[in-house]
Protein backbone atom coordinates (compact mmCIF):
# COMPACT_ATOMS: atom_id res chain seq x y z
CA UNK A 1 83.03 66.48 69.11
CA UNK A 2 83.98 69.11 71.63
CA UNK A 3 84.59 68.29 75.32
CA UNK A 4 82.66 70.44 77.79
CA UNK A 5 84.44 71.43 80.94
CA UNK A 6 81.92 72.41 83.63
CA UNK A 7 82.65 74.94 86.37
CA UNK A 8 80.63 72.83 88.72
CA UNK A 9 80.34 75.06 91.76
CA UNK A 10 79.13 77.93 89.63
CA UNK A 11 76.49 75.71 87.98
CA UNK A 12 75.45 74.20 91.24
CA UNK A 13 74.92 77.66 92.85
CA UNK A 14 72.88 78.68 89.84
CA UNK A 15 70.79 75.56 90.33
CA UNK A 16 70.33 76.37 93.96
CA UNK A 17 68.85 79.81 93.27
CA UNK A 18 66.70 78.58 90.41
CA UNK A 19 65.39 75.28 91.87
CA UNK A 20 66.28 75.49 95.54
CA UNK A 21 62.82 74.66 96.85
CA UNK A 22 62.52 71.29 95.06
CA UNK A 23 62.64 68.25 97.32
CA UNK A 24 62.06 64.46 97.24
CA UNK A 25 61.53 62.16 100.20
CA UNK A 26 61.92 65.12 102.56
CA UNK A 27 65.34 66.00 101.16
CA UNK A 28 66.29 69.01 99.00
CA UNK A 29 67.00 68.10 95.42
CA UNK A 30 66.85 71.33 93.49
CA UNK A 31 70.58 71.59 93.04
CA UNK A 32 70.70 68.07 91.67
CA UNK A 33 67.78 68.64 89.28
CA UNK A 34 69.03 72.01 88.05
CA UNK A 35 72.62 70.77 87.55
CA UNK A 36 71.54 67.72 85.55
CA UNK A 37 69.02 69.72 83.50
CA UNK A 38 71.83 72.05 82.35
CA UNK A 39 74.09 69.07 81.52
CA UNK A 40 71.32 67.72 79.27
CA UNK A 41 70.90 71.17 77.57
CA UNK A 42 74.65 71.49 77.06
CA UNK A 43 74.81 68.07 75.50
CA UNK A 44 71.93 68.81 73.09
CA UNK A 45 73.28 72.26 72.18
CA UNK A 46 76.79 71.20 71.44
CA UNK A 47 76.05 67.67 70.30
CA UNK A 48 78.54 66.02 72.58
CA UNK A 49 78.41 63.49 75.48
CA UNK A 50 82.02 64.19 76.56
CA UNK A 51 82.09 66.08 79.85
CA UNK A 52 84.72 67.05 82.39
CA UNK A 53 83.58 68.21 85.80
CA UNK A 54 85.82 70.50 87.95
CA UNK A 55 84.91 71.43 91.54
CA UNK A 56 86.20 74.00 94.07
CA UNK A 57 88.08 72.84 97.11
CA UNK A 58 86.82 74.34 100.37
CA UNK A 59 90.41 74.86 101.34
CA UNK A 60 91.99 77.81 99.43
CA UNK A 61 95.71 78.46 98.85
CA UNK A 62 94.69 81.98 97.74
CA UNK A 63 93.27 82.84 101.11
CA UNK A 64 96.54 81.73 102.72
CA UNK A 65 98.38 84.60 100.94
CA UNK A 66 95.39 87.02 100.93
CA UNK A 67 92.90 86.52 103.81
CA UNK A 68 90.49 89.02 102.28
CA UNK A 69 90.18 87.00 99.04
CA UNK A 70 86.44 86.57 98.36
CA UNK A 71 85.58 87.86 101.86
CA UNK A 72 83.09 90.18 100.24
CA UNK A 73 80.79 87.16 99.68
CA UNK A 74 80.10 86.75 103.43
CA UNK A 75 77.49 89.48 103.73
CA UNK A 76 74.53 87.05 104.03
CA UNK A 77 72.01 86.20 106.78
CA UNK A 78 72.46 83.19 109.04
CA UNK A 79 69.45 81.55 107.40
CA UNK A 80 71.11 81.88 103.97
CA UNK A 81 74.36 80.50 105.35
CA UNK A 82 72.49 77.41 106.60
CA UNK A 83 70.75 76.92 103.24
CA UNK A 84 74.12 77.07 101.46
CA UNK A 85 75.49 74.44 103.88
CA UNK A 86 72.60 72.22 103.20
CA UNK A 87 73.04 72.79 99.48
CA UNK A 88 76.60 71.53 99.76
CA UNK A 89 75.23 68.15 100.68
CA UNK A 90 73.84 68.04 97.13
CA UNK A 91 77.12 69.28 95.73
CA UNK A 92 78.83 66.30 97.40
CA UNK A 93 76.19 63.90 96.17
CA UNK A 94 76.69 65.04 92.63
CA UNK A 95 80.45 64.84 92.80
CA UNK A 96 80.81 61.56 94.72
CA UNK A 97 77.69 59.51 93.88
CA UNK A 98 75.44 60.79 91.11
CA UNK A 99 77.88 61.69 88.31
CA UNK A 100 80.07 58.62 88.91
CA UNK A 101 76.85 56.55 89.13
CA UNK A 102 75.82 57.77 85.76
CA UNK A 103 79.20 56.66 84.33
CA UNK A 104 81.12 59.86 84.18
CA UNK A 105 84.82 59.34 84.91
CA UNK A 106 86.42 62.80 84.51
CA UNK A 107 85.39 64.34 87.84
CA UNK A 108 88.06 66.43 89.49
CA UNK A 109 88.77 68.17 92.82
CA UNK A 110 92.08 68.89 94.48
CA UNK A 111 92.63 70.48 97.95
CA UNK A 112 93.63 74.12 97.91
CA UNK A 113 92.56 74.80 94.36
CA UNK A 114 89.49 76.25 92.65
CA UNK A 115 87.71 74.70 89.71
CA UNK A 116 89.27 77.54 87.62
CA UNK A 117 92.70 76.27 88.46
CA UNK A 118 91.86 72.65 87.47
CA UNK A 119 90.21 73.86 84.25
CA UNK A 120 93.33 75.85 83.40
CA UNK A 121 95.63 72.87 84.13
CA UNK A 122 93.58 70.61 81.86
CA UNK A 123 93.46 73.16 79.02
CA UNK A 124 97.30 73.65 79.12
CA UNK A 125 98.33 70.05 79.82
CA UNK A 126 95.80 68.20 77.82
CA UNK A 127 95.08 70.19 74.64
CA UNK A 128 91.78 69.43 72.96
CA UNK A 129 88.61 71.03 71.53
CA UNK A 130 87.11 72.54 74.72
CA UNK A 131 83.98 74.49 75.64
CA UNK A 132 84.16 75.87 79.16
CA UNK A 133 80.65 76.17 80.74
CA UNK A 134 80.91 78.91 83.31
CA UNK A 135 79.67 82.34 84.50
CA UNK A 136 83.11 83.28 85.75
CA UNK A 137 85.07 85.81 83.68
CA UNK A 138 88.41 84.83 85.32
CA UNK A 139 88.41 81.94 82.80
CA UNK A 140 88.54 84.40 79.78
CA UNK A 141 92.31 84.20 80.04
CA UNK A 142 92.06 80.64 78.66
CA UNK A 143 90.39 81.56 75.35
CA UNK A 144 92.17 80.26 72.26
CA UNK A 145 91.17 80.31 68.60
CA UNK A 146 93.63 77.53 67.67
CA UNK A 147 92.27 75.49 64.78
CA UNK A 148 93.31 72.14 66.29
CA UNK A 149 92.74 72.82 70.01
CA UNK A 150 90.27 75.71 70.37
CA UNK A 151 89.10 76.89 73.76
CA UNK A 152 85.74 78.69 73.89
CA UNK A 153 83.59 79.78 76.80
CA UNK A 154 79.83 79.26 77.06
CA UNK A 155 78.39 81.85 79.48
CA UNK A 156 75.85 80.02 81.55
CA UNK A 157 73.93 83.26 82.31
CA UNK A 158 73.80 84.82 78.91
CA UNK A 159 73.71 81.52 77.00
CA UNK A 160 76.25 82.71 74.43
CA UNK A 161 79.60 81.39 73.15
CA UNK A 162 82.65 83.76 73.61
CA UNK A 163 85.88 83.21 71.63
CA UNK A 164 89.34 84.72 71.56
CA UNK A 165 88.30 86.86 68.60
CA UNK A 166 85.30 88.12 70.53
CA UNK A 167 87.56 88.94 73.56
CA UNK A 168 90.09 90.83 71.46
CA UNK A 169 87.40 92.75 69.67
CA UNK A 170 85.84 93.82 72.97
CA UNK A 171 88.91 94.62 74.97
CA UNK A 172 91.66 95.23 72.52
CA UNK A 173 94.08 92.91 74.37
CA UNK A 174 95.01 89.24 74.35
CA UNK A 175 93.32 86.81 76.75
CA UNK A 176 96.65 86.15 78.33
CA UNK A 177 96.70 89.80 79.42
CA UNK A 178 93.45 89.38 81.48
CA UNK A 179 95.16 88.36 84.74
CA UNK A 180 97.30 91.54 84.58
CA UNK A 181 94.22 93.69 84.04
CA UNK A 182 92.65 92.22 87.16
CA UNK A 183 95.86 92.61 89.12
CA UNK A 184 96.09 96.26 88.19
CA UNK A 185 92.48 97.16 88.27
CA UNK A 186 91.15 94.86 90.86
CA UNK A 187 88.20 92.36 90.77
CA UNK A 188 85.14 93.23 92.82
CA UNK A 189 83.58 89.73 92.60
CA UNK A 190 86.69 88.05 94.09
CA UNK A 191 87.68 91.03 96.33
CA UNK A 192 91.00 91.40 94.66
CA UNK A 193 91.92 94.95 95.44
CA UNK A 194 94.44 95.83 92.67
CA UNK A 195 95.98 99.28 92.81
CA UNK A 196 93.80 101.77 94.59
CA UNK A 197 92.21 104.28 92.19
CA UNK A 198 93.02 102.37 88.96
CA UNK A 199 90.09 100.18 88.01
CA UNK A 200 89.73 97.67 85.11
CA UNK A 201 89.06 100.32 82.39
CA UNK A 202 92.21 102.22 83.16
CA UNK A 203 94.14 98.94 83.41
CA UNK A 204 92.98 97.93 79.92
CA UNK A 205 93.94 101.41 78.54
CA UNK A 206 97.41 100.92 80.05
CA UNK A 207 97.77 97.52 78.53
CA UNK A 208 96.73 98.94 75.18
CA UNK A 209 99.25 101.75 75.50
CA UNK A 210 96.67 104.55 75.37
CA UNK A 211 96.45 105.59 79.02
CA UNK A 212 97.28 109.24 79.27
CA UNK A 213 100.09 110.54 81.47
CA UNK A 214 98.90 111.31 84.92
CA UNK A 215 98.32 110.04 88.46
CA UNK A 216 96.82 106.69 87.45
CA UNK A 217 99.79 105.83 85.14
CA UNK A 218 102.15 106.92 87.83
CA UNK A 219 100.52 104.65 90.34
CA UNK A 220 100.76 101.71 88.00
CA UNK A 221 104.47 102.29 87.32
CA UNK A 222 105.50 103.14 90.85
CA UNK A 223 107.41 100.62 92.98
CA UNK A 224 104.42 100.31 95.30
CA UNK A 225 102.19 99.66 92.25
CA UNK A 226 104.50 97.01 90.98
CA UNK A 227 104.57 95.23 94.30
CA UNK A 228 100.78 95.27 94.47
CA UNK A 229 100.54 93.95 90.94
CA UNK A 230 102.90 91.07 91.62
CA UNK A 231 100.89 90.17 94.77
CA UNK A 232 97.57 90.35 92.95
CA UNK A 233 98.84 88.31 89.96
CA UNK A 234 99.22 85.37 92.33
CA UNK A 235 95.45 85.56 92.81
CA UNK A 236 94.28 86.31 89.29
CA UNK A 237 96.57 84.06 87.18
CA UNK A 238 95.42 80.56 86.33
CA UNK A 239 96.28 77.97 87.50
CA UNK A 240 97.39 79.09 90.94
CA UNK A 241 101.01 78.18 91.79
CA UNK A 242 100.33 76.39 95.02
CA UNK A 243 102.64 74.37 97.35
CA UNK A 244 101.23 71.14 96.08
CA UNK A 245 101.33 70.73 92.29
CA UNK A 246 98.10 70.01 90.52
CA UNK A 247 97.99 66.36 89.50
CA UNK A 248 94.41 65.32 88.73
CA UNK A 249 94.75 63.07 85.72
CA UNK A 250 96.53 59.78 86.50
CA UNK A 251 95.69 57.97 83.22
CA UNK A 252 95.96 60.15 80.13
CA UNK A 253 94.81 57.38 77.81
CA UNK A 254 91.61 56.97 79.89
CA UNK A 255 91.07 60.78 79.95
CA UNK A 256 91.23 61.03 76.14
CA UNK A 257 89.06 57.93 75.62
CA UNK A 258 85.44 58.57 74.76
CA UNK A 259 83.07 57.62 77.54
CA UNK A 260 80.31 55.11 77.04
CA UNK A 261 77.04 55.41 78.92
CA UNK A 262 74.20 53.14 79.75
CA UNK A 263 70.47 53.81 80.12
CA UNK A 264 70.01 52.09 83.37
CA UNK A 265 72.88 53.89 85.05
CA UNK A 266 71.26 57.19 84.21
CA UNK A 267 67.65 56.11 85.08
CA UNK A 268 68.67 54.61 88.46
CA UNK A 269 70.13 58.00 89.54
CA UNK A 270 67.00 59.89 88.24
CA UNK A 271 64.70 57.60 90.16
CA UNK A 272 66.75 57.73 93.34
CA UNK A 273 66.51 61.57 93.43
CA UNK A 274 62.96 62.02 92.19
CA UNK A 275 63.79 63.49 88.82
CA UNK A 276 60.45 62.41 87.38
CA UNK A 277 60.61 64.56 84.32
CA UNK A 278 63.72 62.74 83.30
CA UNK A 279 62.32 59.24 83.78
CA UNK A 280 59.24 59.85 81.60
CA UNK A 281 59.30 58.32 78.15
CA UNK A 282 59.93 61.75 76.57
CA UNK A 283 62.57 62.57 79.14
CA UNK A 284 64.51 59.39 78.69
CA UNK A 285 64.38 59.78 74.93
CA UNK A 286 66.13 63.11 75.29
CA UNK A 287 68.86 61.63 77.51
CA UNK A 288 69.28 58.58 75.25
CA UNK A 289 69.61 60.75 72.19
CA UNK A 290 72.00 63.24 73.76
CA UNK A 291 74.32 60.79 75.39
CA UNK A 292 73.94 57.88 72.92
CA UNK A 293 72.89 55.74 75.76
CA UNK A 294 73.23 51.97 75.41
CA UNK A 295 70.36 49.82 76.72
CA UNK A 296 71.02 47.09 79.25
CA UNK A 297 73.54 47.17 82.05
CA UNK A 298 77.29 47.28 81.77
CA UNK A 299 79.25 44.10 82.58
CA UNK A 300 81.60 44.62 85.52
């Protein structure tokens, strides 16, 4: 069965915007409910109970070398900022209490790095059959159609699978070229500037060798252009080459070992956070079937 790697902050934010008003015992629970609902759907769709959860660090090595990195995301009201800060309480509960309480062991965060970096590190260092659940196109560079260790992406917004073949057919380049495209053409979502006046389409044409002679090509091949590309590649390439090396998996044997889950561990978490639709007879049947839950309580 495949292992699903979850871009957790991306999924948590999606849950905030979809279920943000839900609450239980006077505390917001929409992020928790939405996040867990998607985990169940992913398990059912791909017939796997093997999950890896990767989270963003609030400290960013990328912002140390480029202060404007992702600064375009700050144009929100003070009320929205407060709501996001409150939502992060649920992020922390999911990472530190709920997912471990359900029995999940592969939950990762490392200071200075984004979830994307951890996902890339896992894919490269621990080859396996992976499906990355995300809405972030930065991760397209990891796509791989290898027979033994394929890496696919499940787009959380469009609900579709994207493969290396799909990528090459769409863009005419290899997934490994994607960081260079973003370094040349910029990335509006992350506020990576690239070379002024180039843009992603021209960058792809250049990578394909079909960009016509002219000002844009001259910019890309100029010394200033090369300096800008090298700077931006530090932001777009995964994983980021930070001062502290990524080292999130201490026990490889445990990482590769299939996880075993228990009904009461799941149900206890659902009850604590008011996820009543999960604790109903029909709801628990779905969770039991998807995760092959064992009745009873595990022996410590």
